[in-house]
């Protein structure tokens, strides 16, 4: 899966289009010196204080991004769920019966 350069900062740095493997590899390097900023490290085993063998995970450099909807979206969705529940409650038995399906209720 290929990434793409996006946003105002990418435009300011003259970045656009698909992120190449070379570009991605350079993200962990100092922009002026080219020094590696984060070292990759393979997994290894060690003994803890109780003598239990612990195997670490392989360490790889990476980036994490979180995208969150504005609070207004959450409030709108919550209100919508409440309105739908009120409609089903108001309709009463004419909506059909319910039966337990696993841990959720299913309307037939």
N, C-alpha and C. Protein backbone atom coordinates (compact mmCIF):
# COMPACT_ATOMS: atom_id res chain seq x y z
N UNK A 1 0.85 -1.17 0.00
CA UNK A 1 0.00 0.00 0.00
C UNK A 1 0.89 1.24 0.00
N UNK A 2 0.70 2.09 -0.95
CA UNK A 2 1.52 3.28 -1.08
C UNK A 2 0.88 4.44 -0.32
N UNK A 3 1.73 5.25 0.29
CA UNK A 3 1.26 6.46 0.96
C UNK A 3 1.35 7.64 0.01
N UNK A 4 0.78 8.73 0.44
CA UNK A 4 0.82 9.95 -0.38
C UNK A 4 1.12 11.14 0.52
N UNK A 5 1.90 12.07 -0.01
CA UNK A 5 2.18 13.30 0.72
C UNK A 5 0.94 14.17 0.69
N UNK A 6 0.52 14.66 1.88
CA UNK A 6 -0.68 15.48 1.98
C UNK A 6 -0.46 16.62 2.96
N UNK A 7 -1.28 17.63 2.87
CA UNK A 7 -1.32 18.69 3.87
C UNK A 7 -0.47 19.89 3.52
N UNK A 8 -0.64 20.93 4.33
CA UNK A 8 0.03 22.21 4.10
C UNK A 8 1.54 22.10 4.28
N UNK A 9 1.98 21.34 5.30
CA UNK A 9 3.42 21.23 5.54
C UNK A 9 4.11 20.49 4.40
N UNK A 10 3.47 19.45 3.88
CA UNK A 10 4.05 18.74 2.73
C UNK A 10 4.21 19.70 1.56
N UNK A 11 3.21 20.53 1.34
CA UNK A 11 3.28 21.50 0.24
C UNK A 11 4.41 22.50 0.47
N UNK A 12 4.60 22.95 1.73
CA UNK A 12 5.67 23.90 2.03
C UNK A 12 7.05 23.30 1.76
N UNK A 13 7.18 21.99 1.97
CA UNK A 13 8.46 21.32 1.72
C UNK A 13 8.59 20.82 0.28
N UNK A 14 7.59 21.11 -0.54
CA UNK A 14 7.65 20.70 -1.94
C UNK A 14 7.42 19.20 -2.12
N UNK A 15 6.72 18.58 -1.21
CA UNK A 15 6.44 17.14 -1.30
C UNK A 15 5.05 16.93 -1.88
N UNK A 16 4.93 16.02 -2.82
CA UNK A 16 3.65 15.72 -3.42
C UNK A 16 3.68 14.36 -4.08
N UNK A 17 2.52 13.81 -4.34
CA UNK A 17 2.43 12.52 -5.02
C UNK A 17 2.67 11.35 -4.07
N UNK A 18 3.08 10.24 -4.64
CA UNK A 18 3.28 9.01 -3.88
C UNK A 18 4.57 9.08 -3.08
N UNK A 19 4.56 8.54 -1.86
CA UNK A 19 5.75 8.47 -1.02
C UNK A 19 6.57 7.27 -1.48
N UNK A 20 7.78 7.52 -1.97
CA UNK A 20 8.64 6.42 -2.44
C UNK A 20 9.27 5.70 -1.25
N UNK A 21 9.80 4.51 -1.49
CA UNK A 21 10.48 3.76 -0.43
C UNK A 21 11.69 4.55 0.09
N UNK A 22 12.37 5.24 -0.81
CA UNK A 22 13.53 6.06 -0.42
C UNK A 22 13.10 7.22 0.48
N UNK A 23 12.01 7.90 0.12
CA UNK A 23 11.49 8.99 0.95
C UNK A 23 11.10 8.48 2.33
N UNK A 24 10.43 7.34 2.37
CA UNK A 24 9.99 6.78 3.65
C UNK A 24 11.18 6.43 4.53
N UNK A 25 12.21 5.85 3.94
CA UNK A 25 13.41 5.47 4.70
C UNK A 25 14.10 6.72 5.27
N UNK A 26 14.05 7.82 4.54
CA UNK A 26 14.69 9.05 5.01
C UNK A 26 13.96 9.72 6.17
N UNK A 27 12.72 9.31 6.45
CA UNK A 27 11.97 9.91 7.55
C UNK A 27 12.65 9.67 8.90
N UNK A 28 13.47 8.63 9.01
CA UNK A 28 14.15 8.35 10.28
C UNK A 28 15.58 8.91 10.30
N UNK A 29 15.90 9.77 9.33
CA UNK A 29 17.24 10.35 9.26
C UNK A 29 17.19 11.85 9.52
N UNK A 30 18.28 12.36 10.07
CA UNK A 30 18.39 13.80 10.29
C UNK A 30 18.38 14.49 8.93
N UNK A 31 17.56 15.54 8.75
CA UNK A 31 17.43 16.16 7.43
C UNK A 31 18.69 16.83 6.90
N UNK A 32 19.60 17.27 7.79
CA UNK A 32 20.81 17.94 7.32
C UNK A 32 22.02 17.01 7.28
N UNK A 33 22.18 16.18 8.30
CA UNK A 33 23.37 15.34 8.37
C UNK A 33 23.16 13.95 7.78
N UNK A 34 21.90 13.51 7.70
CA UNK A 34 21.62 12.16 7.22
C UNK A 34 21.84 11.08 8.27
N UNK A 35 22.23 11.48 9.50
CA UNK A 35 22.44 10.50 10.57
C UNK A 35 21.12 9.80 10.89
N UNK A 36 21.22 8.50 11.20
CA UNK A 36 20.05 7.73 11.58
C UNK A 36 19.57 8.20 12.95
N UNK A 37 18.30 8.60 13.06
CA UNK A 37 17.77 9.12 14.32
C UNK A 37 17.26 8.00 15.23
N UNK A 38 16.72 6.95 14.64
CA UNK A 38 16.19 5.83 15.40
C UNK A 38 16.81 4.55 14.86
N UNK A 39 17.41 3.79 15.73
CA UNK A 39 18.05 2.54 15.32
C UNK A 39 17.06 1.39 15.38
N UNK A 40 17.10 0.53 14.37
CA UNK A 40 16.29 -0.67 14.42
C UNK A 40 17.00 -1.68 15.30
N UNK A 41 16.23 -2.51 15.97
CA UNK A 41 16.81 -3.47 16.89
C UNK A 41 16.01 -4.76 16.83
N UNK A 42 16.70 -5.87 16.63
CA UNK A 42 16.04 -7.16 16.59
C UNK A 42 15.57 -7.58 17.97
N UNK A 43 14.67 -8.56 18.02
CA UNK A 43 14.21 -9.04 19.31
C UNK A 43 15.32 -9.83 19.99
N UNK A 44 15.26 -9.92 21.31
CA UNK A 44 16.24 -10.68 22.07
C UNK A 44 15.56 -11.21 23.33
N UNK A 45 16.19 -12.17 23.98
CA UNK A 45 15.66 -12.75 25.21
C UNK A 45 16.55 -12.39 26.38
N UNK A 46 15.92 -12.26 27.55
CA UNK A 46 16.67 -12.02 28.78
C UNK A 46 15.91 -12.63 29.95
N UNK A 47 16.56 -12.77 31.07
CA UNK A 47 15.95 -13.31 32.28
C UNK A 47 15.57 -12.15 33.20
N UNK A 48 14.34 -12.16 33.69
CA UNK A 48 13.95 -11.11 34.63
C UNK A 48 14.40 -11.49 36.04
N UNK A 49 14.08 -10.67 37.03
CA UNK A 49 14.54 -10.89 38.40
C UNK A 49 14.03 -12.21 38.99
N UNK A 50 12.91 -12.71 38.48
CA UNK A 50 12.34 -13.97 38.98
C UNK A 50 12.81 -15.18 38.17
N UNK A 51 13.71 -14.95 37.22
CA UNK A 51 14.23 -16.05 36.40
C UNK A 51 13.37 -16.41 35.20
N UNK A 52 12.34 -15.65 34.95
CA UNK A 52 11.46 -15.90 33.81
C UNK A 52 12.10 -15.36 32.54
N UNK A 53 12.04 -16.13 31.46
CA UNK A 53 12.60 -15.70 30.18
C UNK A 53 11.63 -14.75 29.48
N UNK A 54 12.12 -13.59 29.14
CA UNK A 54 11.33 -12.56 28.46
C UNK A 54 11.90 -12.38 27.06
N UNK A 55 11.01 -12.40 26.05
CA UNK A 55 11.44 -12.14 24.67
C UNK A 55 10.87 -10.79 24.25
N UNK A 56 11.74 -9.89 23.86
CA UNK A 56 11.30 -8.56 23.45
C UNK A 56 10.80 -8.60 22.01
N UNK A 57 10.10 -7.56 21.64
CA UNK A 57 9.64 -7.42 20.26
C UNK A 57 10.72 -6.72 19.45
N UNK A 58 10.73 -6.96 18.16
CA UNK A 58 11.64 -6.25 17.27
C UNK A 58 11.25 -4.79 17.25
N UNK A 59 12.22 -3.90 17.31
CA UNK A 59 11.96 -2.47 17.29
C UNK A 59 12.19 -1.94 15.89
N UNK A 60 11.19 -1.27 15.36
CA UNK A 60 11.31 -0.64 14.05
C UNK A 60 10.85 0.79 14.16
N UNK A 61 11.52 1.64 13.43
CA UNK A 61 11.11 3.04 13.41
C UNK A 61 9.78 3.15 12.67
N UNK A 62 8.94 4.03 13.13
CA UNK A 62 7.66 4.21 12.47
C UNK A 62 6.98 5.47 12.95
N UNK A 63 5.88 5.77 12.34
CA UNK A 63 5.10 6.95 12.67
C UNK A 63 3.68 6.52 12.96
N UNK A 64 3.04 7.21 13.84
CA UNK A 64 1.66 6.93 14.19
C UNK A 64 0.86 8.22 14.05
N UNK A 65 -0.30 8.10 13.46
CA UNK A 65 -1.17 9.27 13.32
C UNK A 65 -2.56 8.92 13.84
N UNK A 66 -3.19 9.84 14.51
CA UNK A 66 -4.54 9.65 15.01
C UNK A 66 -5.44 10.69 14.37
N UNK A 67 -6.55 10.22 13.83
CA UNK A 67 -7.52 11.11 13.21
C UNK A 67 -8.80 11.03 14.03
N UNK A 68 -9.30 12.15 14.48
CA UNK A 68 -10.50 12.19 15.32
C UNK A 68 -11.52 13.13 14.71
N UNK A 69 -12.76 12.70 14.79
CA UNK A 69 -13.85 13.55 14.31
C UNK A 69 -14.11 14.64 15.34
N UNK A 70 -14.60 15.79 14.90
CA UNK A 70 -14.95 16.85 15.86
C UNK A 70 -16.04 16.37 16.81
N UNK A 71 -16.11 16.96 17.98
CA UNK A 71 -17.10 16.58 18.98
C UNK A 71 -18.53 16.67 18.43
N UNK A 72 -18.78 17.60 17.53
CA UNK A 72 -20.13 17.75 16.98
C UNK A 72 -20.58 16.48 16.26
N UNK A 73 -19.64 15.76 15.65
CA UNK A 73 -19.99 14.51 14.97
C UNK A 73 -20.43 13.47 15.99
N UNK A 74 -19.69 13.36 17.10
CA UNK A 74 -20.06 12.42 18.15
C UNK A 74 -21.42 12.75 18.73
N UNK A 75 -21.66 14.03 18.99
CA UNK A 75 -22.95 14.44 19.56
C UNK A 75 -24.09 14.16 18.60
N UNK A 76 -23.86 14.39 17.31
CA UNK A 76 -24.90 14.13 16.31
C UNK A 76 -25.20 12.64 16.24
N UNK A 77 -24.17 11.80 16.25
CA UNK A 77 -24.36 10.36 16.20
C UNK A 77 -25.10 9.87 17.44
N UNK A 78 -24.75 10.39 18.60
CA UNK A 78 -25.43 9.99 19.84
C UNK A 78 -26.90 10.37 19.79
N UNK A 79 -27.17 11.59 19.33
CA UNK A 79 -28.56 12.04 19.21
C UNK A 79 -29.34 11.18 18.24
N UNK A 80 -28.72 10.78 17.14
CA UNK A 80 -29.37 9.93 16.15
C UNK A 80 -29.73 8.59 16.76
N UNK A 81 -28.83 7.99 17.52
CA UNK A 81 -29.10 6.70 18.17
C UNK A 81 -30.28 6.84 19.13
N UNK A 82 -30.32 7.93 19.88
CA UNK A 82 -31.42 8.16 20.82
C UNK A 82 -32.75 8.29 20.07
N UNK A 83 -32.74 9.04 18.97
CA UNK A 83 -33.97 9.22 18.18
C UNK A 83 -34.47 7.89 17.60
N UNK A 84 -33.56 7.08 17.09
CA UNK A 84 -33.94 5.78 16.54
C UNK A 84 -34.51 4.89 17.64
N UNK A 85 -33.87 4.88 18.80
CA UNK A 85 -34.36 4.08 19.92
C UNK A 85 -35.75 4.54 20.35
N UNK A 86 -35.98 5.85 20.37
CA UNK A 86 -37.29 6.38 20.72
C UNK A 86 -38.35 5.95 19.71
N UNK A 87 -38.01 5.92 18.44
CA UNK A 87 -38.95 5.50 17.40
C UNK A 87 -39.34 4.04 17.58
N UNK A 88 -38.35 3.18 17.87
CA UNK A 88 -38.63 1.77 18.07
C UNK A 88 -39.49 1.56 19.32
N UNK A 89 -39.20 2.33 20.36
CA UNK A 89 -39.97 2.22 21.60
C UNK A 89 -41.41 2.67 21.37
N UNK A 90 -41.58 3.78 20.65
CA UNK A 90 -42.92 4.31 20.38
C UNK A 90 -43.73 3.36 19.50
N UNK A 91 -43.08 2.64 18.59
CA UNK A 91 -43.79 1.74 17.69
C UNK A 91 -44.29 0.50 18.42
N UNK A 92 -43.63 0.16 19.52
CA UNK A 92 -44.09 -0.97 20.34
C UNK A 92 -44.01 -2.30 19.61
N UNK A 93 -44.93 -3.22 19.94
CA UNK A 93 -44.88 -4.58 19.40
C UNK A 93 -45.02 -4.66 17.89
N UNK A 94 -45.55 -3.62 17.26
CA UNK A 94 -45.71 -3.66 15.80
C UNK A 94 -44.39 -3.70 15.06
N UNK A 95 -43.28 -3.40 15.75
CA UNK A 95 -41.97 -3.45 15.13
C UNK A 95 -41.45 -4.87 15.01
N UNK A 96 -42.11 -5.81 15.63
CA UNK A 96 -41.65 -7.19 15.57
C UNK A 96 -41.10 -7.61 16.92
N UNK A 97 -40.77 -8.85 17.01
CA UNK A 97 -40.26 -9.37 18.28
C UNK A 97 -38.74 -9.29 18.27
N UNK A 98 -38.19 -9.42 19.46
CA UNK A 98 -36.74 -9.44 19.56
C UNK A 98 -36.31 -10.77 20.14
N UNK A 99 -35.16 -11.24 19.74
CA UNK A 99 -34.60 -12.46 20.32
C UNK A 99 -33.12 -12.22 20.55
N UNK A 100 -32.58 -12.94 21.49
CA UNK A 100 -31.17 -12.78 21.81
C UNK A 100 -30.35 -13.52 20.75
N UNK A 101 -29.36 -12.83 20.19
CA UNK A 101 -28.47 -13.42 19.19
C UNK A 101 -27.06 -13.13 19.68
N UNK A 102 -26.42 -14.07 20.34
CA UNK A 102 -25.12 -13.83 20.93
C UNK A 102 -25.27 -12.86 22.07
N UNK A 103 -24.57 -11.74 22.03
CA UNK A 103 -24.66 -10.76 23.09
C UNK A 103 -25.49 -9.55 22.69
N UNK A 104 -25.97 -9.54 21.46
CA UNK A 104 -26.73 -8.38 20.99
C UNK A 104 -28.18 -8.76 20.78
N UNK A 105 -29.07 -7.78 20.84
CA UNK A 105 -30.47 -8.02 20.54
C UNK A 105 -30.70 -7.75 19.06
N UNK A 106 -31.47 -8.63 18.43
CA UNK A 106 -31.74 -8.47 17.02
C UNK A 106 -33.23 -8.30 16.83
N UNK A 107 -33.63 -7.29 16.06
CA UNK A 107 -35.05 -7.08 15.78
C UNK A 107 -35.38 -7.83 14.52
N UNK A 108 -36.45 -8.64 14.59
CA UNK A 108 -36.87 -9.42 13.43
C UNK A 108 -37.91 -8.68 12.62
